[in-house]
Amino acid sequence: MCDAFKDELDRRFTYHSPKGDQAERYNKLRARALKLARLIDDCCPQNRERSLAITKLEEAVMWANASIARNE
């Protein structure tokens, strides 16, 4: 395994404590996603597609937060 890939794995599987304004940005992303999740809940009938939309929104927030945590 090359050193660059080892470093990448370490970055992916290590806890990154928030620094600077990161926690505030995480909260902003979650707050906006919550508004959209509520809109989806209000506008869409209860079905698999609605569940998937909310799941994908959760995933989007998770990846956005990982982008901040892992790359700063």
Foldseek 3Di string as FASTA:
>chain_A
DDPVVVVVVCLVPDDFDDDDCLVVVLVVLVVVLVVVLVVLVVPDDDDPVNVVVNVVSVVVSVVVSSCVRRPD
